[in-house]
Amino acid sequence: MAGRYVTPTDRPQWPVRKLVGWASLILVSWVLPFACGFAAVYVLGRMYFAAGGSW
């Protein structure tokens, strides 16, 4: 029975690096377009009002 003991290093570990990579990829692919869109609208709005535009 002593040979059947599984040490923590023998057990399969979660692929944390791959999981973090996928999570960051999904996060960036969702957050970045919204952030860029918001920044573009903000900059265009600032330019519009700086040029004398009215609400």
Protein backbone atom coordinates (compact mmCIF):
# COMPACT_ATOMS: atom_id res chain seq x y z
CA MET A 1 0.00 0.00 0.00
CA ALA A 2 2.91 2.34 0.57
CA GLY A 3 3.71 2.48 -3.15
CA ARG A 4 0.21 3.66 -4.05
CA TYR A 5 0.51 6.93 -2.12
CA VAL A 6 0.24 9.89 -4.49
CA THR A 7 2.28 12.93 -3.57
CA PRO A 8 0.94 16.41 -4.33
CA THR A 9 3.52 16.84 -7.09
CA ASP A 10 2.38 13.64 -8.80
CA ARG A 11 -1.20 14.77 -9.10
CA PRO A 12 -2.17 16.67 -12.24
CA GLN A 13 -2.18 20.38 -11.51
CA TRP A 14 -4.58 22.95 -12.95
CA PRO A 15 -3.02 24.66 -15.97
CA VAL A 16 -3.09 28.02 -14.24
CA ARG A 17 -1.01 29.83 -16.84
CA LYS A 18 -3.29 28.74 -19.67
CA LEU A 19 -6.37 29.62 -17.63
CA VAL A 20 -5.03 33.08 -16.83
CA GLY A 21 -4.06 33.55 -20.47
CA TRP A 22 -7.55 32.73 -21.71
CA ALA A 23 -9.18 34.86 -19.01
CA SER A 24 -7.01 37.86 -19.87
CA LEU A 25 -7.65 37.37 -23.58
CA ILE A 26 -11.42 37.30 -23.06
CA LEU A 27 -11.26 40.26 -20.70
CA VAL A 28 -9.18 42.32 -23.13
CA SER A 29 -11.34 41.39 -26.11
CA TRP A 30 -14.47 42.57 -24.25
CA VAL A 31 -13.15 45.54 -22.27
CA LEU A 32 -10.79 47.08 -24.82
CA PRO A 33 -13.40 47.81 -27.54
CA PHE A 34 -15.74 49.42 -25.01
CA ALA A 35 -12.90 51.48 -23.55
CA CYS A 36 -11.73 52.61 -26.99
CA GLY A 37 -15.28 53.45 -28.03
CA PHE A 38 -15.89 55.44 -24.86
CA ALA A 39 -12.58 57.29 -25.29
CA ALA A 40 -13.40 58.12 -28.92
CA VAL A 41 -16.84 59.48 -28.02
CA TYR A 42 -15.33 61.46 -25.14
CA VAL A 43 -12.59 62.98 -27.32
CA LEU A 44 -15.02 63.83 -30.12
CA GLY A 45 -17.40 65.39 -27.62
CA ARG A 46 -14.62 67.48 -26.09
CA MET A 47 -13.56 68.64 -29.55
CA TYR A 48 -17.17 69.50 -30.43
CA PHE A 49 -17.70 71.57 -27.30
CA ALA A 50 -14.23 73.16 -27.57
CA ALA A 51 -15.17 74.31 -31.08
CA GLY A 52 -18.23 76.10 -29.69
CA GLY A 53 -20.85 73.39 -30.09
CA SER A 54 -23.99 73.56 -27.95
CA TRP A 55 -25.77 70.82 -26.07
